[in-house]
Amino acid sequence: MSTMIMSACWPLQGMSATQKAVLISLADNANDEGVCWPSVPKIAIRTCLSERAVQVSIRWLCSTGILSTAERLGRSTLYTLTPAAYAPPQQLRPANHAPHPPHQLHPSPAQAAPAPRSSCTQNRNRTYKEPSAEPPAFLPARFGQSVNDAREKVSVKHPKVQDDEDRKQACRNIWLAYSTAYFHRYHTEPVRNQKVNAQVNDLLKRLGSIEAPRVAAYFVGINDAFLLRGCHEFGALLAKAEAYRTQWATNVQVNFVTARQIENTQANLNTAEQTKAMIRNEGSKNAFL
């Protein structure tokens, strides 16, 4: 569970209780990148909803921009939560200015007096402001800081925030390429934890957002005894990222056996050169030299 994604989803408004329950269930399964892959039956069990209600809610969440899906053959759907992109459709307000009947055009003083309203009626008729496309959640005001100051700080989108969002999206692309190739080879999902998240971020720094996903997918297809014993763990990719990038760019896989063959060939060439030099220094004649 990612507390960052969960804390950003809880304050969101403009949705039904069913839609909110499905959103929180997805956020509870998501990692820090907002990625999760629970099945619809599992979400239905956790939220006490029908599978049909879960599917309808997922489609609605996708229409607001907070959720995107990616289908995987033979596996559950991959979901990506982006709370900052949440933009619910504006709801129509009920018409409160309908024409009055003729007998109410000139009400009596008793009729003109406003009737006392209970607290329940006030809450029922209150109009809530729909959130905008900007992140609706804001941090609680600290000691000595007003709520308005806290809102203003979050409403201004700093360039660093945008850069951080680009970095997270690039990390999602790297992990998606690696996990897809991993599942295709081993028929199971790779382990992802805090350590692996840091390794994905380090690979992005070393290879860039364009080449890193391609090298990650290529790495899983390398047939090397060392990598096979380790089931192509992500740490092995990070340890020699530049070398695997060269193998991907040249489409030449170099494993232990290949390297040993090249080494033996070079050793034979070195021996031949030494033998030729010895014959020349001794002044012997040789028809092959």
C-alpha atoms as a PDB file:
ATOM      1  CA  MET A   1       0.000   0.000   0.000  1.00  0.00           C
ATOM      2  CA  SER A   2       1.206   3.497  -0.840  1.00  0.00           C
ATOM      3  CA  THR A   3       0.344   6.085   1.816  1.00  0.00           C
ATOM      4  CA  MET A   4       1.118   8.825  -0.708  1.00  0.00           C
ATOM      5  CA  ILE A   5      -1.508   7.592  -3.207  1.00  0.00           C
ATOM      6  CA  MET A   6      -4.003   6.800  -0.444  1.00  0.00           C
ATOM      7  CA  SER A   7      -3.718  10.250   1.178  1.00  0.00           C
ATOM      8  CA  ALA A   8      -4.224  11.915  -2.199  1.00  0.00           C
ATOM      9  CA  CYS A   9      -7.381   9.884  -2.965  1.00  0.00           C
ATOM     10  CA  TRP A  10      -9.222  10.263   0.353  1.00  0.00           C
ATOM     11  CA  PRO A  11     -10.044  14.028   0.058  1.00  0.00           C
ATOM     12  CA  LEU A  12     -11.443  13.750  -3.505  1.00  0.00           C
ATOM     13  CA  GLN A  13     -15.097  14.755  -3.908  1.00  0.00           C
ATOM     14  CA  GLY A  14     -17.645  14.668  -6.719  1.00  0.00           C
ATOM     15  CA  MET A  15     -18.221  10.901  -6.795  1.00  0.00           C
ATOM     16  CA  SER A  16     -20.663   8.400  -5.352  1.00  0.00           C
ATOM     17  CA  ALA A  17     -19.980   6.168  -2.374  1.00  0.00           C
ATOM     18  CA  THR A  18     -19.642   3.165  -4.704  1.00  0.00           C
ATOM     19  CA  GLN A  19     -17.099   4.924  -6.906  1.00  0.00           C
ATOM     20  CA  LYS A  20     -15.160   6.147  -3.859  1.00  0.00           C
ATOM     21  CA  ALA A  21     -15.057   2.616  -2.400  1.00  0.00           C
ATOM     22  CA  VAL A  22     -13.600   1.200  -5.626  1.00  0.00           C
ATOM     23  CA  LEU A  23     -11.061   4.056  -5.813  1.00  0.00           C
ATOM     24  CA  ILE A  24      -9.878   3.507  -2.229  1.00  0.00           C
ATOM     25  CA  SER A  25      -9.636  -0.252  -2.813  1.00  0.00           C
ATOM     26  CA  LEU A  26      -7.361   0.354  -5.831  1.00  0.00           C
ATOM     27  CA  ALA A  27      -5.292   2.907  -3.893  1.00  0.00           C
ATOM     28  CA  ASP A  28      -4.881   0.400  -1.053  1.00  0.00           C
ATOM     29  CA  ASN A  29      -3.307  -2.071  -3.523  1.00  0.00           C
ATOM     30  CA  ALA A  30      -1.187   0.487  -5.430  1.00  0.00           C
ATOM     31  CA  ASN A  31       2.526   1.096  -4.999  1.00  0.00           C
ATOM     32  CA  ASP A  32       4.209   4.509  -4.856  1.00  0.00           C
ATOM     33  CA  GLU A  33       3.930   4.778  -8.650  1.00  0.00           C
ATOM     34  CA  GLY A  34       0.152   4.250  -8.465  1.00  0.00           C
ATOM     35  CA  VAL A  35       0.292   0.844 -10.202  1.00  0.00           C
ATOM     36  CA  CYS A  36      -1.722  -2.204  -9.101  1.00  0.00           C
ATOM     37  CA  TRP A  37      -3.394  -5.225 -10.707  1.00  0.00           C
ATOM     38  CA  PRO A  38      -6.228  -6.593  -8.485  1.00  0.00           C
ATOM     39  CA  SER A  39      -8.952  -8.594 -10.193  1.00  0.00           C
ATOM     40  CA  VAL A  40     -12.557  -7.378 -10.375  1.00  0.00           C
ATOM     41  CA  PRO A  41     -13.811 -10.243  -8.131  1.00  0.00           C
ATOM     42  CA  LYS A  42     -11.223  -9.313  -5.516  1.00  0.00           C
ATOM     43  CA  ILE A  43     -12.304  -5.648  -5.575  1.00  0.00           C
ATOM     44  CA  ALA A  44     -15.955  -6.723  -5.312  1.00  0.00           C
ATOM     45  CA  ILE A  45     -15.219  -8.835  -2.226  1.00  0.00           C
ATOM     46  CA  ARG A  46     -13.247  -6.063  -0.520  1.00  0.00           C
ATOM     47  CA  THR A  47     -15.882  -3.362  -1.196  1.00  0.00           C
ATOM     48  CA  CYS A  48     -18.982  -5.589  -0.632  1.00  0.00           C
ATOM     49  CA  LEU A  49     -20.193  -4.622  -4.129  1.00  0.00           C
ATOM     50  CA  SER A  50     -21.278  -6.620  -7.142  1.00  0.00           C
ATOM     51  CA  GLU A  51     -18.808  -7.174  -9.960  1.00  0.00           C
ATOM     52  CA  ARG A  52     -21.089  -5.203 -12.246  1.00  0.00           C
ATOM     53  CA  ALA A  53     -20.983  -2.212  -9.904  1.00  0.00           C
ATOM     54  CA  VAL A  54     -17.192  -2.441  -9.730  1.00  0.00           C
ATOM     55  CA  GLN A  55     -16.868  -2.484 -13.527  1.00  0.00           C
ATOM     56  CA  VAL A  56     -19.189   0.516 -13.912  1.00  0.00           C
ATOM     57  CA  SER A  57     -17.241   2.452 -11.274  1.00  0.00           C
ATOM     58  CA  ILE A  58     -13.914   1.649 -12.972  1.00  0.00           C
ATOM     59  CA  ARG A  59     -15.217   2.986 -16.278  1.00  0.00           C
ATOM     60  CA  TRP A  60     -16.372   6.165 -14.551  1.00  0.00           C
ATOM     61  CA  LEU A  61     -13.010   6.641 -12.819  1.00  0.00           C
ATOM     62  CA  CYS A  62     -11.261   6.241 -16.188  1.00  0.00           C
ATOM     63  CA  SER A  63     -13.474   8.963 -17.656  1.00  0.00           C
ATOM     64  CA  THR A  64     -12.329  11.411 -14.959  1.00  0.00           C
ATOM     65  CA  GLY A  65      -8.630  10.900 -15.740  1.00  0.00           C
ATOM     66  CA  ILE A  66      -7.682   9.559 -12.315  1.00  0.00           C
ATOM     67  CA  LEU A  67      -7.451   5.953 -13.546  1.00  0.00           C
ATOM     68  CA  SER A  68      -5.958   4.327 -16.638  1.00  0.00           C
ATOM     69  CA  THR A  69      -5.988   0.636 -17.538  1.00  0.00           C
ATOM     70  CA  ALA A  70      -3.794  -1.706 -19.571  1.00  0.00           C
ATOM     71  CA  GLU A  71      -5.031  -5.135 -20.584  1.00  0.00           C
ATOM     72  CA  ARG A  72      -2.680  -8.109 -20.157  1.00  0.00           C
ATOM     73  CA  LEU A  73      -3.293 -11.375 -21.968  1.00  0.00           C
ATOM     74  CA  GLY A  74      -4.256 -14.106 -19.531  1.00  0.00           C
ATOM     75  CA  ARG A  75      -3.761 -11.879 -16.499  1.00  0.00           C
ATOM     76  CA  SER A  76      -5.734  -9.294 -14.533  1.00  0.00           C
ATOM     77  CA  THR A  77      -5.894  -5.726 -15.811  1.00  0.00           C
ATOM     78  CA  LEU A  78      -3.068  -3.331 -14.886  1.00  0.00           C
ATOM     79  CA  TYR A  79      -4.378  -0.137 -13.241  1.00  0.00           C
ATOM     80  CA  THR A  80      -2.502   3.173 -12.862  1.00  0.00           C
ATOM     81  CA  LEU A  81      -3.810   5.816 -10.436  1.00  0.00           C
ATOM     82  CA  THR A  82      -3.031   9.515 -11.051  1.00  0.00           C
ATOM     83  CA  PRO A  83      -4.853  11.572  -8.372  1.00  0.00           C
ATOM     84  CA  ALA A  84      -3.480  14.864  -9.737  1.00  0.00           C
ATOM     85  CA  ALA A  85      -5.333  14.321 -13.034  1.00  0.00           C
ATOM     86  CA  TYR A  86      -8.742  13.886 -11.406  1.00  0.00           C
ATOM     87  CA  ALA A  87     -11.369  15.994 -13.224  1.00  0.00           C
ATOM     88  CA  PRO A  88     -14.940  14.784 -12.568  1.00  0.00           C
ATOM     89  CA  PRO A  89     -17.726  15.882 -14.932  1.00  0.00           C
ATOM     90  CA  GLN A  90     -19.661  18.920 -13.719  1.00  0.00           C
ATOM     91  CA  GLN A  91     -23.021  17.935 -12.287  1.00  0.00           C
ATOM     92  CA  LEU A  92     -26.135  19.887 -13.245  1.00  0.00           C
ATOM     93  CA  ARG A  93     -27.686  21.816 -10.381  1.00  0.00           C
ATOM     94  CA  PRO A  94     -31.473  21.461  -9.879  1.00  0.00           C
ATOM     95  CA  ALA A  95     -33.606  24.311 -11.114  1.00  0.00           C
ATOM     96  CA  ASN A  96     -34.646  26.352  -8.075  1.00  0.00           C
ATOM     97  CA  HIS A  97     -36.285  29.165  -9.995  1.00  0.00           C
ATOM     98  CA  ALA A  98     -39.394  27.472 -11.408  1.00  0.00           C
ATOM     99  CA  PRO A  99     -42.397  29.854 -11.908  1.00  0.00           C
ATOM    100  CA  HIS A 100     -44.692  30.119  -8.912  1.00  0.00           C
ATOM    101  CA  PRO A 101     -48.398  29.238  -9.171  1.00  0.00           C
ATOM    102  CA  PRO A 102     -50.743  32.254  -9.589  1.00  0.00           C
ATOM    103  CA  HIS A 103     -51.975  32.064  -6.011  1.00  0.00           C
ATOM    104  CA  GLN A 104     -48.368  32.430  -4.748  1.00  0.00           C
ATOM    105  CA  LEU A 105     -47.540  35.609  -6.668  1.00  0.00           C
ATOM    106  CA  HIS A 106     -48.733  37.731  -3.728  1.00  0.00           C
ATOM    107  CA  PRO A 107     -48.308  35.611  -0.594  1.00  0.00           C
ATOM    108  CA  SER A 108     -49.787  36.620   2.694  1.00  0.00           C
ATOM    109  CA  PRO A 109     -47.531  37.816   5.518  1.00  0.00           C
ATOM    110  CA  ALA A 110     -47.817  34.398   7.153  1.00  0.00           C
ATOM    111  CA  GLN A 111     -46.799  32.688   3.910  1.00  0.00           C
ATOM    112  CA  ALA A 112     -43.992  35.200   3.284  1.00  0.00           C
ATOM    113  CA  ALA A 113     -42.369  34.407   6.616  1.00  0.00           C
ATOM    114  CA  PRO A 114     -39.570  31.867   6.111  1.00  0.00           C
ATOM    115  CA  ALA A 115     -40.196  28.509   7.695  1.00  0.00           C
ATOM    116  CA  PRO A 116     -37.607  27.321  10.210  1.00  0.00           C
ATOM    117  CA  ARG A 117     -35.117  24.982   8.590  1.00  0.00           C
ATOM    118  CA  SER A 118     -33.611  22.044  10.381  1.00  0.00           C
ATOM    119  CA  SER A 119     -29.937  21.192  10.202  1.00  0.00           C
ATOM    120  CA  CYS A 120     -30.794  18.126   8.088  1.00  0.00           C
ATOM    121  CA  THR A 121     -32.581  20.292   5.498  1.00  0.00           C
ATOM    122  CA  GLN A 122     -29.649  22.688   5.366  1.00  0.00           C
ATOM    123  CA  ASN A 123     -27.204  19.881   4.699  1.00  0.00           C
ATOM    124  CA  ARG A 124     -29.481  18.358   2.064  1.00  0.00           C
ATOM    125  CA  ASN A 125     -29.818  21.595   0.072  1.00  0.00           C
ATOM    126  CA  ARG A 126     -26.191  22.644   0.345  1.00  0.00           C
ATOM    127  CA  THR A 127     -24.397  22.913  -2.988  1.00  0.00           C
ATOM    128  CA  TYR A 128     -20.893  21.519  -2.986  1.00  0.00           C
ATOM    129  CA  LYS A 129     -18.237  22.942  -5.258  1.00  0.00           C
ATOM    130  CA  GLU A 130     -16.862  20.450  -7.737  1.00  0.00           C
ATOM    131  CA  PRO A 131     -13.054  20.055  -7.694  1.00  0.00           C
ATOM    132  CA  SER A 132     -11.082  21.444 -10.618  1.00  0.00           C
ATOM    133  CA  ALA A 133      -8.554  19.593 -12.770  1.00  0.00           C
ATOM    134  CA  GLU A 134      -5.767  20.659 -10.402  1.00  0.00           C
ATOM    135  CA  PRO A 135      -4.947  18.393  -7.438  1.00  0.00           C
ATOM    136  CA  PRO A 136      -7.910  18.846  -5.054  1.00  0.00           C
ATOM    137  CA  ALA A 137      -6.136  17.569  -1.977  1.00  0.00           C
ATOM    138  CA  PHE A 138      -4.233  19.964   0.237  1.00  0.00           C
ATOM    139  CA  LEU A 139      -2.088  19.492   3.269  1.00  0.00           C
ATOM    140  CA  PRO A 140      -3.493  20.402   6.688  1.00  0.00           C
ATOM    141  CA  ALA A 141      -2.428  23.794   7.987  1.00  0.00           C
ATOM    142  CA  ARG A 142       0.530  23.675  10.345  1.00  0.00           C
ATOM    143  CA  PHE A 143       0.853  25.676  13.528  1.00  0.00           C
ATOM    144  CA  GLY A 144       1.029  29.372  12.669  1.00  0.00           C
ATOM    145  CA  GLN A 145      -0.145  28.779   9.079  1.00  0.00           C
ATOM    146  CA  SER A 146      -3.661  29.509   7.883  1.00  0.00           C
ATOM    147  CA  VAL A 147      -5.707  27.137   5.764  1.00  0.00           C
ATOM    148  CA  ASN A 148      -5.757  29.680   2.920  1.00  0.00           C
ATOM    149  CA  ASP A 149      -1.938  29.747   2.851  1.00  0.00           C
ATOM    150  CA  ALA A 150      -1.893  25.961   2.633  1.00  0.00           C
ATOM    151  CA  ARG A 151      -4.368  26.024  -0.267  1.00  0.00           C
ATOM    152  CA  GLU A 152      -2.354  28.646  -2.149  1.00  0.00           C
ATOM    153  CA  LYS A 153       0.876  26.666  -1.850  1.00  0.00           C
ATOM    154  CA  VAL A 154      -0.713  23.545  -3.322  1.00  0.00           C
ATOM    155  CA  SER A 155      -2.683  25.351  -6.041  1.00  0.00           C
ATOM    156  CA  VAL A 156       0.524  26.718  -7.635  1.00  0.00           C
ATOM    157  CA  LYS A 157       2.124  23.896  -9.622  1.00  0.00           C
ATOM    158  CA  HIS A 158       5.865  24.305  -9.274  1.00  0.00           C
ATOM    159  CA  PRO A 159       8.086  23.148 -12.159  1.00  0.00           C
ATOM    160  CA  LYS A 160       9.767  20.671  -9.815  1.00  0.00           C
ATOM    161  CA  VAL A 161       6.401  18.977  -9.247  1.00  0.00           C
ATOM    162  CA  GLN A 162       6.004  18.529 -13.000  1.00  0.00           C
ATOM    163  CA  ASP A 163       9.519  17.090 -13.253  1.00  0.00           C
ATOM    164  CA  ASP A 164       8.715  14.642 -10.461  1.00  0.00           C
ATOM    165  CA  GLU A 165       5.576  13.512 -12.291  1.00  0.00           C
ATOM    166  CA  ASP A 166       7.615  12.938 -15.480  1.00  0.00           C
ATOM    167  CA  ARG A 167      10.130  10.888 -13.498  1.00  0.00           C
ATOM    168  CA  LYS A 168       7.374   8.733 -11.999  1.00  0.00           C
ATOM    169  CA  GLN A 169       5.840   8.119 -15.424  1.00  0.00           C
ATOM    170  CA  ALA A 170       9.255   7.124 -16.807  1.00  0.00           C
ATOM    171  CA  CYS A 171       9.701   4.691 -13.893  1.00  0.00           C
ATOM    172  CA  ARG A 172       6.265   3.218 -14.654  1.00  0.00           C
ATOM    173  CA  ASN A 173       7.303   2.647 -18.274  1.00  0.00           C
ATOM    174  CA  ILE A 174      10.535   0.921 -17.215  1.00  0.00           C
ATOM    175  CA  TRP A 175       8.750  -1.379 -14.785  1.00  0.00           C
ATOM    176  CA  LEU A 176       5.975  -2.179 -17.267  1.00  0.00           C
ATOM    177  CA  ALA A 177       8.521  -3.218 -19.930  1.00  0.00           C
ATOM    178  CA  TYR A 178      10.540  -5.304 -17.452  1.00  0.00           C
ATOM    179  CA  SER A 179       7.545  -6.979 -15.754  1.00  0.00           C
ATOM    180  CA  THR A 180       5.882  -7.808 -19.093  1.00  0.00           C
ATOM    181  CA  ALA A 181       9.041  -9.514 -20.410  1.00  0.00           C
ATOM    182  CA  TYR A 182       9.547 -11.211 -17.020  1.00  0.00           C
ATOM    183  CA  PHE A 183       6.013 -12.642 -16.990  1.00  0.00           C
ATOM    184  CA  HIS A 184       6.402 -13.829 -20.580  1.00  0.00           C
ATOM    185  CA  ARG A 185       9.523 -15.792 -19.601  1.00  0.00           C
ATOM    186  CA  TYR A 186       8.771 -16.980 -16.060  1.00  0.00           C
ATOM    187  CA  HIS A 187       4.926 -16.893 -16.075  1.00  0.00           C
ATOM    188  CA  THR A 188       4.802 -14.962 -12.812  1.00  0.00           C
ATOM    189  CA  GLU A 189       5.072 -11.352 -11.699  1.00  0.00           C
ATOM    190  CA  PRO A 190       8.477 -10.097 -10.501  1.00  0.00           C
ATOM    191  CA  VAL A 191       8.849  -8.973  -6.912  1.00  0.00           C
ATOM    192  CA  ARG A 192       8.607  -5.234  -6.402  1.00  0.00           C
ATOM    193  CA  ASN A 193       9.446  -3.536  -3.126  1.00  0.00           C
ATOM    194  CA  GLN A 194      11.118  -0.370  -1.875  1.00  0.00           C
ATOM    195  CA  LYS A 195      14.560  -1.628  -2.877  1.00  0.00           C
ATOM    196  CA  VAL A 196      13.429  -2.422  -6.421  1.00  0.00           C
ATOM    197  CA  ASN A 197      11.730   0.998  -6.710  1.00  0.00           C
ATOM    198  CA  ALA A 198      15.050   2.673  -5.914  1.00  0.00           C
ATOM    199  CA  GLN A 199      16.812   0.469  -8.488  1.00  0.00           C
ATOM    200  CA  VAL A 200      14.280   1.434 -11.177  1.00  0.00           C
ATOM    201  CA  ASN A 201      14.908   5.101 -10.415  1.00  0.00           C
ATOM    202  CA  ASP A 202      18.704   4.564 -10.599  1.00  0.00           C
ATOM    203  CA  LEU A 203      18.370   2.818 -13.982  1.00  0.00           C
ATOM    204  CA  LEU A 204      16.418   5.823 -15.260  1.00  0.00           C
ATOM    205  CA  LYS A 205      19.288   8.112 -14.216  1.00  0.00           C
ATOM    206  CA  ARG A 206      21.913   5.952 -15.946  1.00  0.00           C
ATOM    207  CA  LEU A 207      20.174   5.107 -19.247  1.00  0.00           C
ATOM    208  CA  GLY A 208      17.490   7.749 -19.666  1.00  0.00           C
ATOM    209  CA  SER A 209      13.741   7.485 -20.177  1.00  0.00           C
ATOM    210  CA  ILE A 210      13.945   6.317 -23.820  1.00  0.00           C
ATOM    211  CA  GLU A 211      16.531   3.513 -23.692  1.00  0.00           C
ATOM    212  CA  ALA A 212      15.934   2.236 -20.139  1.00  0.00           C
ATOM    213  CA  PRO A 213      12.585   0.457 -20.860  1.00  0.00           C
ATOM    214  CA  ARG A 214      13.995  -1.203 -23.992  1.00  0.00           C
ATOM    215  CA  VAL A 215      17.151  -2.382 -22.243  1.00  0.00           C
ATOM    216  CA  ALA A 216      15.069  -3.693 -19.310  1.00  0.00           C
ATOM    217  CA  ALA A 217      12.936  -5.813 -21.659  1.00  0.00           C
ATOM    218  CA  TYR A 218      16.022  -7.006 -23.594  1.00  0.00           C
ATOM    219  CA  PHE A 219      17.791  -7.955 -20.350  1.00  0.00           C
ATOM    220  CA  VAL A 220      15.163 -10.566 -19.430  1.00  0.00           C
ATOM    221  CA  GLY A 221      15.760 -12.357 -22.749  1.00  0.00           C
ATOM    222  CA  ILE A 222      19.516 -12.860 -22.221  1.00  0.00           C
ATOM    223  CA  ASN A 223      20.433 -16.543 -21.841  1.00  0.00           C
ATOM    224  CA  ASP A 224      23.261 -16.451 -19.338  1.00  0.00           C
ATOM    225  CA  ALA A 225      23.830 -19.033 -16.602  1.00  0.00           C
ATOM    226  CA  PHE A 226      24.426 -16.388 -13.928  1.00  0.00           C
ATOM    227  CA  LEU A 227      21.290 -14.455 -14.846  1.00  0.00           C
ATOM    228  CA  LEU A 228      19.195 -17.610 -15.111  1.00  0.00           C
ATOM    229  CA  ARG A 229      20.246 -18.731 -11.628  1.00  0.00           C
ATOM    230  CA  GLY A 230      19.176 -15.340 -10.311  1.00  0.00           C
ATOM    231  CA  CYS A 231      15.958 -15.338 -12.391  1.00  0.00           C
ATOM    232  CA  HIS A 232      17.015 -12.070 -14.061  1.00  0.00           C
ATOM    233  CA  GLU A 233      16.613 -10.001 -10.896  1.00  0.00           C
ATOM    234  CA  PHE A 234      16.504  -6.260 -11.450  1.00  0.00           C
ATOM    235  CA  GLY A 235      19.631  -5.672  -9.364  1.00  0.00           C
ATOM    236  CA  ALA A 236      21.716  -7.669 -11.873  1.00  0.00           C
ATOM    237  CA  LEU A 237      20.498  -5.365 -14.635  1.00  0.00           C
ATOM    238  CA  LEU A 238      21.433  -2.282 -12.633  1.00  0.00           C
ATOM    239  CA  ALA A 239      24.900  -3.669 -11.783  1.00  0.00           C
ATOM    240  CA  LYS A 240      25.977  -3.734 -15.455  1.00  0.00           C
ATOM    241  CA  ALA A 241      23.419  -1.418 -17.041  1.00  0.00           C
ATOM    242  CA  GLU A 242      25.840   0.153 -19.527  1.00  0.00           C
ATOM    243  CA  ALA A 243      27.123  -3.252 -20.678  1.00  0.00           C
ATOM    244  CA  TYR A 244      23.606  -4.573 -21.269  1.00  0.00           C
ATOM    245  CA  ARG A 245      22.779  -1.348 -23.085  1.00  0.00           C
ATOM    246  CA  THR A 246      25.678  -2.034 -25.490  1.00  0.00           C
ATOM    247  CA  GLN A 247      24.477  -5.609 -26.037  1.00  0.00           C
ATOM    248  CA  TRP A 248      20.988  -4.277 -26.759  1.00  0.00           C
ATOM    249  CA  ALA A 249      22.305  -1.642 -29.182  1.00  0.00           C
ATOM    250  CA  THR A 250      24.516  -4.155 -31.063  1.00  0.00           C
ATOM    251  CA  ASN A 251      22.103  -7.098 -30.665  1.00  0.00           C
ATOM    252  CA  VAL A 252      25.029  -9.292 -29.561  1.00  0.00           C
ATOM    253  CA  GLN A 253      24.682 -11.225 -26.315  1.00  0.00           C
ATOM    254  CA  VAL A 254      27.956 -11.892 -24.514  1.00  0.00           C
ATOM    255  CA  ASN A 255      27.776 -14.560 -21.799  1.00  0.00           C
ATOM    256  CA  PHE A 256      30.459 -16.532 -19.963  1.00  0.00           C
ATOM    257  CA  VAL A 257      30.964 -19.097 -22.750  1.00  0.00           C
ATOM    258  CA  THR A 258      31.145 -16.436 -25.468  1.00  0.00           C
ATOM    259  CA  ALA A 259      33.637 -14.410 -23.481  1.00  0.00           C
ATOM    260  CA  ARG A 260      35.776 -17.522 -22.822  1.00  0.00           C
ATOM    261  CA  GLN A 261      35.855 -18.362 -26.535  1.00  0.00           C
ATOM    262  CA  ILE A 262      36.948 -14.856 -27.432  1.00  0.00           C
ATOM    263  CA  GLU A 263      39.574 -14.978 -24.686  1.00  0.00           C
ATOM    264  CA  ASN A 264      40.966 -18.309 -25.961  1.00  0.00           C
ATOM    265  CA  THR A 265      41.120 -16.990 -29.514  1.00  0.00           C
ATOM    266  CA  GLN A 266      43.038 -13.939 -28.370  1.00  0.00           C
ATOM    267  CA  ALA A 267      45.390 -16.130 -26.321  1.00  0.00           C
ATOM    268  CA  ASN A 268      46.158 -18.267 -29.417  1.00  0.00           C
ATOM    269  CA  LEU A 269      46.873 -15.138 -31.449  1.00  0.00           C
ATOM    270  CA  ASN A 270      49.200 -13.821 -28.751  1.00  0.00           C
ATOM    271  CA  THR A 271      51.090 -17.156 -28.683  1.00  0.00           C
ATOM    272  CA  ALA A 272      51.477 -17.124 -32.458  1.00  0.00           C
ATOM    273  CA  GLU A 273      52.848 -13.578 -32.412  1.00  0.00           C
ATOM    274  CA  GLN A 274      55.339 -14.481 -29.699  1.00  0.00           C
ATOM    275  CA  THR A 275      56.514 -17.534 -31.662  1.00  0.00           C
ATOM    276  CA  LYS A 276      57.008 -15.455 -34.803  1.00  0.00           C
ATOM    277  CA  ALA A 277      59.011 -12.888 -32.865  1.00  0.00           C
ATOM    278  CA  MET A 278      61.286 -15.579 -31.375  1.00  0.00           C
ATOM    279  CA  ILE A 279      62.003 -17.110 -34.806  1.00  0.00           C
ATOM    280  CA  ARG A 280      62.850 -13.720 -36.277  1.00  0.00           C
ATOM    281  CA  ASN A 281      65.170 -12.818 -33.382  1.00  0.00           C
ATOM    282  CA  GLU A 282      67.102 -16.088 -33.704  1.00  0.00           C
ATOM    283  CA  GLY A 283      67.630 -15.559 -37.436  1.00  0.00           C
ATOM    284  CA  SER A 284      66.096 -18.885 -38.460  1.00  0.00           C
ATOM    285  CA  LYS A 285      64.522 -19.204 -41.871  1.00  0.00           C
ATOM    286  CA  ASN A 286      60.949 -20.367 -42.082  1.00  0.00           C
ATOM    287  CA  ALA A 287      58.943 -20.694 -45.259  1.00  0.00           C
ATOM    288  CA  PHE A 288      55.793 -19.503 -43.509  1.00  0.00           C
ATOM    289  CA  LEU A 289      57.296 -16.229 -42.210  1.00  0.00           C
END
